[in-house]
Amino acid sequence: MIKADSGSYAAVLGASPNEERYSFKAVRMLKEHGFKPIPVHPKGHSVDGIDGLKSLTDISVDVDTLTMYVNAKVSDAEFDNIVALKPRRVIFNPGSENRELAQKLQDVGIEIIEACTLVMLQTGQY
């Protein structure tokens, strides 16, 4: 398993190619801080020069962190995929909160954080 340090993988669920979106900024900032972002979106588009994947099930590396930029309706359908991915933690960014999913993930041993990935990176709390 990749340790939670610089160079570890971070999946960004809901990653957008639109530079104005927070999910795009998260991909860019993760990269700038030495992490390896994996953009995930059903369209599989590239984000900030990084090839995207269409599903969490397409990820073939150990992921330390899954950072969420999707609403609760979308994330509810991802429970099994998240469990299979086995991230150390899931960050629910503002607007992506899903208390029921968070509790279910905690119950299977995944750390849950409700915070902004961008702020965490900027303040050294990531």
N, C-alpha and C. Protein backbone atom coordinates (compact mmCIF):
# COMPACT_ATOMS: atom_id res chain seq x y z
N MET A 1 0.84 -1.19 0.00
CA MET A 1 0.00 0.00 0.00
C MET A 1 0.88 1.24 0.00
N ILE A 2 0.50 2.23 -0.78
CA ILE A 2 1.23 3.49 -0.82
C ILE A 2 0.96 4.25 0.46
N LYS A 3 2.01 4.76 1.07
CA LYS A 3 1.86 5.49 2.33
C LYS A 3 1.27 6.87 2.08
N ALA A 4 0.69 7.43 3.11
CA ALA A 4 0.07 8.75 3.02
C ALA A 4 1.13 9.82 3.11
N ASP A 5 1.87 9.98 2.04
CA ASP A 5 2.86 11.04 2.01
C ASP A 5 2.90 11.59 0.60
N SER A 6 3.78 12.53 0.38
CA SER A 6 3.91 13.12 -0.94
C SER A 6 4.19 12.02 -1.95
N GLY A 7 3.47 12.02 -3.05
CA GLY A 7 3.64 11.00 -4.05
C GLY A 7 2.55 9.95 -4.02
N SER A 8 1.67 9.99 -3.02
CA SER A 8 0.61 8.99 -2.96
C SER A 8 -0.53 9.38 -3.90
N TYR A 9 -1.33 8.38 -4.25
CA TYR A 9 -2.43 8.58 -5.19
C TYR A 9 -3.67 9.13 -4.49
N ALA A 10 -4.34 10.04 -5.19
CA ALA A 10 -5.59 10.62 -4.70
C ALA A 10 -6.59 10.61 -5.85
N ALA A 11 -7.68 9.90 -5.69
CA ALA A 11 -8.73 9.89 -6.70
C ALA A 11 -9.65 11.07 -6.46
N VAL A 12 -10.02 11.75 -7.53
CA VAL A 12 -10.91 12.91 -7.46
C VAL A 12 -12.20 12.54 -8.19
N LEU A 13 -13.22 12.15 -7.42
CA LEU A 13 -14.49 11.73 -8.01
C LEU A 13 -15.32 12.96 -8.36
N GLY A 14 -15.65 13.07 -9.66
CA GLY A 14 -16.38 14.24 -10.14
C GLY A 14 -15.45 15.27 -10.75
N ALA A 15 -14.24 14.87 -11.09
CA ALA A 15 -13.24 15.79 -11.65
C ALA A 15 -13.75 16.40 -12.95
N SER A 16 -13.56 17.70 -13.08
CA SER A 16 -14.05 18.44 -14.24
C SER A 16 -12.88 19.04 -15.04
N PRO A 17 -13.01 19.10 -16.37
CA PRO A 17 -11.99 19.77 -17.17
C PRO A 17 -12.15 21.29 -17.17
N ASN A 18 -13.21 21.80 -16.53
CA ASN A 18 -13.47 23.23 -16.45
C ASN A 18 -12.59 23.85 -15.36
N GLU A 19 -11.68 24.72 -15.76
CA GLU A 19 -10.72 25.32 -14.82
C GLU A 19 -11.37 26.11 -13.69
N GLU A 20 -12.62 26.48 -13.84
CA GLU A 20 -13.32 27.24 -12.81
C GLU A 20 -13.89 26.35 -11.71
N ARG A 21 -13.97 25.06 -11.95
CA ARG A 21 -14.57 24.14 -10.99
C ARG A 21 -13.57 23.77 -9.90
N TYR A 22 -14.07 23.59 -8.68
CA TYR A 22 -13.20 23.22 -7.57
C TYR A 22 -12.55 21.86 -7.79
N SER A 23 -13.26 20.97 -8.46
CA SER A 23 -12.67 19.65 -8.70
C SER A 23 -11.46 19.74 -9.63
N PHE A 24 -11.49 20.65 -10.60
CA PHE A 24 -10.31 20.89 -11.45
C PHE A 24 -9.18 21.44 -10.61
N LYS A 25 -9.52 22.42 -9.77
CA LYS A 25 -8.50 23.04 -8.91
C LYS A 25 -7.89 22.03 -7.96
N ALA A 26 -8.69 21.07 -7.51
CA ALA A 26 -8.17 20.04 -6.61
C ALA A 26 -7.15 19.16 -7.34
N VAL A 27 -7.46 18.77 -8.56
CA VAL A 27 -6.52 17.96 -9.35
C VAL A 27 -5.21 18.73 -9.51
N ARG A 28 -5.31 19.98 -9.90
CA ARG A 28 -4.10 20.80 -10.12
C ARG A 28 -3.30 20.97 -8.83
N MET A 29 -3.99 21.29 -7.74
CA MET A 29 -3.29 21.55 -6.49
C MET A 29 -2.68 20.27 -5.91
N LEU A 30 -3.36 19.16 -6.05
CA LEU A 30 -2.78 17.89 -5.61
C LEU A 30 -1.47 17.64 -6.35
N LYS A 31 -1.49 17.86 -7.65
CA LYS A 31 -0.29 17.67 -8.47
C LYS A 31 0.82 18.62 -8.03
N GLU A 32 0.46 19.87 -7.79
CA GLU A 32 1.44 20.88 -7.36
C GLU A 32 2.07 20.53 -6.01
N HIS A 33 1.33 19.80 -5.18
CA HIS A 33 1.83 19.42 -3.86
C HIS A 33 2.50 18.04 -3.86
N GLY A 34 2.74 17.50 -5.03
CA GLY A 34 3.49 16.26 -5.13
C GLY A 34 2.68 14.98 -5.04
N PHE A 35 1.36 15.10 -5.03
CA PHE A 35 0.51 13.91 -5.02
C PHE A 35 0.21 13.50 -6.46
N LYS A 36 -0.34 12.33 -6.63
CA LYS A 36 -0.67 11.80 -7.95
C LYS A 36 -2.19 11.73 -8.08
N PRO A 37 -2.81 12.79 -8.61
CA PRO A 37 -4.27 12.78 -8.73
C PRO A 37 -4.75 11.87 -9.86
N ILE A 38 -5.89 11.26 -9.62
CA ILE A 38 -6.55 10.42 -10.62
C ILE A 38 -7.94 11.02 -10.85
N PRO A 39 -8.14 11.76 -11.95
CA PRO A 39 -9.46 12.31 -12.23
C PRO A 39 -10.44 11.19 -12.59
N VAL A 40 -11.63 11.22 -11.98
CA VAL A 40 -12.66 10.22 -12.26
C VAL A 40 -13.96 10.94 -12.57
N HIS A 41 -14.51 10.64 -13.74
CA HIS A 41 -15.78 11.22 -14.18
C HIS A 41 -16.36 10.29 -15.23
N PRO A 42 -17.68 10.11 -15.28
CA PRO A 42 -18.27 9.19 -16.26
C PRO A 42 -17.84 9.44 -17.70
N LYS A 43 -17.46 10.68 -18.02
CA LYS A 43 -17.02 10.98 -19.38
C LYS A 43 -15.54 10.66 -19.58
N GLY A 44 -14.81 10.42 -18.49
CA GLY A 44 -13.41 10.04 -18.59
C GLY A 44 -12.50 11.08 -19.20
N HIS A 45 -12.88 12.35 -19.10
CA HIS A 45 -12.07 13.38 -19.73
C HIS A 45 -10.78 13.67 -18.99
N SER A 46 -9.80 14.20 -19.72
CA SER A 46 -8.53 14.63 -19.12
C SER A 46 -8.78 15.88 -18.29
N VAL A 47 -8.02 15.99 -17.22
CA VAL A 47 -8.13 17.16 -16.35
C VAL A 47 -6.72 17.66 -16.08
N ASP A 48 -6.46 18.87 -16.48
CA ASP A 48 -5.16 19.51 -16.29
C ASP A 48 -4.01 18.64 -16.83
N GLY A 49 -4.25 18.05 -18.00
CA GLY A 49 -3.22 17.24 -18.64
C GLY A 49 -3.10 15.81 -18.12
N ILE A 50 -3.98 15.42 -17.22
CA ILE A 50 -3.94 14.07 -16.66
C ILE A 50 -5.11 13.28 -17.25
N ASP A 51 -4.82 12.12 -17.82
CA ASP A 51 -5.88 11.28 -18.38
C ASP A 51 -6.86 10.89 -17.29
N GLY A 52 -8.14 11.01 -17.60
CA GLY A 52 -9.17 10.66 -16.63
C GLY A 52 -9.68 9.25 -16.82
N LEU A 53 -10.33 8.75 -15.80
CA LEU A 53 -10.96 7.44 -15.83
C LEU A 53 -12.47 7.63 -15.71
N LYS A 54 -13.22 6.66 -16.21
CA LYS A 54 -14.68 6.76 -16.19
C LYS A 54 -15.31 6.28 -14.90
N SER A 55 -14.58 5.46 -14.13
CA SER A 55 -15.16 4.87 -12.93
C SER A 55 -14.07 4.57 -11.91
N LEU A 56 -14.46 4.54 -10.66
CA LEU A 56 -13.54 4.12 -9.61
C LEU A 56 -13.05 2.70 -9.86
N THR A 57 -13.86 1.89 -10.54
CA THR A 57 -13.47 0.51 -10.81
C THR A 57 -12.34 0.42 -11.82
N ASP A 58 -12.06 1.51 -12.53
CA ASP A 58 -10.96 1.53 -13.51
C ASP A 58 -9.60 1.79 -12.87
N ILE A 59 -9.57 2.11 -11.60
CA ILE A 59 -8.32 2.43 -10.90
C ILE A 59 -7.60 1.14 -10.55
N SER A 60 -6.31 1.07 -10.94
CA SER A 60 -5.54 -0.15 -10.71
C SER A 60 -4.35 0.04 -9.78
N VAL A 61 -4.33 1.16 -9.04
CA VAL A 61 -3.27 1.42 -8.07
C VAL A 61 -3.88 1.59 -6.69
N ASP A 62 -3.05 1.51 -5.67
CA ASP A 62 -3.53 1.74 -4.30
C ASP A 62 -3.76 3.23 -4.10
N VAL A 63 -4.96 3.58 -3.69
CA VAL A 63 -5.34 4.98 -3.50
C VAL A 63 -5.36 5.29 -2.01
N ASP A 64 -4.63 6.33 -1.62
CA ASP A 64 -4.63 6.76 -0.23
C ASP A 64 -5.91 7.52 0.10
N THR A 65 -6.27 8.47 -0.77
CA THR A 65 -7.38 9.37 -0.49
C THR A 65 -8.34 9.44 -1.67
N LEU A 66 -9.62 9.38 -1.38
CA LEU A 66 -10.66 9.66 -2.35
C LEU A 66 -11.29 10.97 -1.95
N THR A 67 -11.24 11.96 -2.84
CA THR A 67 -11.84 13.25 -2.53
C THR A 67 -13.08 13.43 -3.41
N MET A 68 -14.19 13.74 -2.77
CA MET A 68 -15.50 13.71 -3.43
C MET A 68 -15.96 15.10 -3.87
N TYR A 69 -16.35 15.17 -5.14
CA TYR A 69 -16.95 16.38 -5.71
C TYR A 69 -18.24 16.02 -6.44
N VAL A 70 -19.03 15.14 -5.85
CA VAL A 70 -20.32 14.74 -6.42
C VAL A 70 -21.37 14.85 -5.32
N ASN A 71 -22.63 14.96 -5.74
CA ASN A 71 -23.70 15.08 -4.75
C ASN A 71 -24.03 13.72 -4.14
N ALA A 72 -24.85 13.74 -3.12
CA ALA A 72 -25.18 12.52 -2.37
C ALA A 72 -25.86 11.48 -3.25
N LYS A 73 -26.69 11.90 -4.18
CA LYS A 73 -27.37 10.94 -5.06
C LYS A 73 -26.35 10.14 -5.86
N VAL A 74 -25.33 10.82 -6.36
CA VAL A 74 -24.28 10.14 -7.13
C VAL A 74 -23.41 9.28 -6.21
N SER A 75 -23.00 9.84 -5.08
CA SER A 75 -22.09 9.10 -4.20
C SER A 75 -22.75 7.88 -3.56
N ASP A 76 -24.06 7.92 -3.33
CA ASP A 76 -24.76 6.75 -2.78
C ASP A 76 -24.52 5.51 -3.63
N ALA A 77 -24.50 5.69 -4.94
CA ALA A 77 -24.33 4.57 -5.86
C ALA A 77 -22.89 4.05 -5.90
N GLU A 78 -21.98 4.75 -5.24
CA GLU A 78 -20.56 4.39 -5.30
C GLU A 78 -20.07 3.59 -4.09
N PHE A 79 -20.94 3.28 -3.15
CA PHE A 79 -20.50 2.61 -1.92
C PHE A 79 -19.65 1.36 -2.20
N ASP A 80 -20.17 0.44 -2.98
CA ASP A 80 -19.42 -0.80 -3.25
C ASP A 80 -18.09 -0.52 -3.94
N ASN A 81 -18.09 0.44 -4.86
CA ASN A 81 -16.85 0.79 -5.57
C ASN A 81 -15.82 1.42 -4.63
N ILE A 82 -16.29 2.22 -3.69
CA ILE A 82 -15.37 2.84 -2.72
C ILE A 82 -14.78 1.77 -1.81
N VAL A 83 -15.62 0.87 -1.33
CA VAL A 83 -15.14 -0.20 -0.46
C VAL A 83 -14.12 -1.06 -1.20
N ALA A 84 -14.39 -1.37 -2.46
CA ALA A 84 -13.46 -2.19 -3.26
C ALA A 84 -12.15 -1.44 -3.51
N LEU A 85 -12.21 -0.12 -3.62
CA LEU A 85 -11.01 0.70 -3.85
C LEU A 85 -10.10 0.70 -2.62
N LYS A 86 -10.70 0.60 -1.44
CA LYS A 86 -9.98 0.56 -0.17
C LYS A 86 -9.11 1.79 0.09
N PRO A 87 -9.66 3.01 -0.07
CA PRO A 87 -8.84 4.17 0.28
C PRO A 87 -8.68 4.25 1.80
N ARG A 88 -7.60 4.86 2.24
CA ARG A 88 -7.40 5.06 3.67
C ARG A 88 -8.46 6.02 4.21
N ARG A 89 -8.79 7.02 3.37
CA ARG A 89 -9.77 8.02 3.81
C ARG A 89 -10.56 8.56 2.63
N VAL A 90 -11.71 9.14 2.95
CA VAL A 90 -12.56 9.81 1.98
C VAL A 90 -12.80 11.22 2.50
N ILE A 91 -12.57 12.20 1.63
CA ILE A 91 -12.83 13.59 1.97
C ILE A 91 -14.12 14.01 1.26
N PHE A 92 -15.11 14.42 2.05
CA PHE A 92 -16.34 14.98 1.51
C PHE A 92 -16.18 16.49 1.49
N ASN A 93 -15.99 17.05 0.30
CA ASN A 93 -15.83 18.48 0.14
C ASN A 93 -17.17 19.19 0.30
N PRO A 94 -17.17 20.50 0.57
CA PRO A 94 -18.44 21.23 0.70
C PRO A 94 -19.35 21.00 -0.51
N GLY A 95 -20.59 20.63 -0.23
CA GLY A 95 -21.55 20.35 -1.28
C GLY A 95 -21.64 18.87 -1.61
N SER A 96 -20.68 18.08 -1.14
CA SER A 96 -20.70 16.64 -1.42
C SER A 96 -21.03 15.82 -0.18
N GLU A 97 -21.37 16.49 0.90
CA GLU A 97 -21.64 15.79 2.16
C GLU A 97 -22.71 14.72 1.97
N ASN A 98 -22.51 13.59 2.64
CA ASN A 98 -23.45 12.48 2.57
C ASN A 98 -23.29 11.69 3.87
N ARG A 99 -24.01 12.09 4.88
CA ARG A 99 -23.84 11.51 6.22
C ARG A 99 -24.09 10.01 6.25
N GLU A 100 -25.09 9.54 5.53
CA GLU A 100 -25.38 8.10 5.54
C GLU A 100 -24.23 7.31 4.92
N LEU A 101 -23.74 7.76 3.78
CA LEU A 101 -22.61 7.09 3.14
C LEU A 101 -21.38 7.18 4.02
N ALA A 102 -21.15 8.35 4.60
CA ALA A 102 -19.99 8.52 5.48
C ALA A 102 -20.03 7.51 6.63
N GLN A 103 -21.19 7.32 7.22
CA GLN A 103 -21.31 6.37 8.34
C GLN A 103 -21.06 4.95 7.87
N LYS A 104 -21.59 4.59 6.73
CA LYS A 104 -21.38 3.23 6.19
C LYS A 104 -19.89 2.99 5.90
N LEU A 105 -19.21 4.01 5.38
CA LEU A 105 -17.78 3.87 5.09
C LEU A 105 -16.97 3.78 6.38
N GLN A 106 -17.35 4.58 7.37
CA GLN A 106 -16.69 4.50 8.67
C GLN A 106 -16.86 3.13 9.29
N ASP A 107 -18.05 2.56 9.13
CA ASP A 107 -18.35 1.24 9.69
C ASP A 107 -17.46 0.14 9.11
N VAL A 108 -16.93 0.36 7.90
CA VAL A 108 -16.02 -0.64 7.31
C VAL A 108 -14.55 -0.22 7.45
N GLY A 109 -14.30 0.80 8.28
CA GLY A 109 -12.92 1.16 8.62
C GLY A 109 -12.26 2.23 7.78
N ILE A 110 -13.03 2.96 6.98
CA ILE A 110 -12.47 4.03 6.17
C ILE A 110 -12.62 5.35 6.93
N GLU A 111 -11.53 6.09 7.04
CA GLU A 111 -11.55 7.39 7.71
C GLU A 111 -12.37 8.37 6.87
N ILE A 112 -13.19 9.17 7.55
CA ILE A 112 -14.04 10.15 6.90
C ILE A 112 -13.66 11.55 7.36
N ILE A 113 -13.54 12.46 6.39
CA ILE A 113 -13.25 13.85 6.70
C ILE A 113 -14.24 14.71 5.92
N GLU A 114 -14.89 15.65 6.61
CA GLU A 114 -15.70 16.65 5.93
C GLU A 114 -14.92 17.94 5.96
N ALA A 115 -14.33 18.28 4.82
CA ALA A 115 -13.47 19.46 4.73
C ALA A 115 -13.23 19.78 3.26
N CYS A 116 -12.56 20.88 3.02
CA CYS A 116 -12.21 21.28 1.67
C CYS A 116 -10.78 20.84 1.35
N THR A 117 -10.65 20.01 0.34
CA THR A 117 -9.33 19.52 -0.06
C THR A 117 -8.38 20.68 -0.34
N LEU A 118 -8.87 21.72 -0.99
CA LEU A 118 -8.03 22.88 -1.33
C LEU A 118 -7.48 23.55 -0.08
N VAL A 119 -8.33 23.76 0.91
CA VAL A 119 -7.90 24.38 2.16
C VAL A 119 -6.94 23.46 2.90
N MET A 120 -7.24 22.17 2.91
CA MET A 120 -6.34 21.22 3.59
C MET A 120 -4.95 21.26 2.97
N LEU A 121 -4.88 21.31 1.65
CA LEU A 121 -3.57 21.36 0.98
C LEU A 121 -2.85 22.68 1.29
N GLN A 122 -3.58 23.78 1.24
CA GLN A 122 -2.99 25.10 1.47
C GLN A 122 -2.49 25.29 2.89
N THR A 123 -3.11 24.58 3.84
CA THR A 123 -2.75 24.79 5.24
C THR A 123 -1.91 23.64 5.81
N GLY A 124 -1.49 22.72 4.95
CA GLY A 124 -0.66 21.62 5.41
C GLY A 124 -1.39 20.56 6.21
N GLN A 125 -2.71 20.52 6.15
CA GLN A 125 -3.51 19.54 6.89
C GLN A 125 -3.86 18.31 6.08
N TYR A 126 -3.47 18.31 4.80
CA TYR A 126 -3.82 17.19 3.93
C TYR A 126 -3.01 15.97 4.32
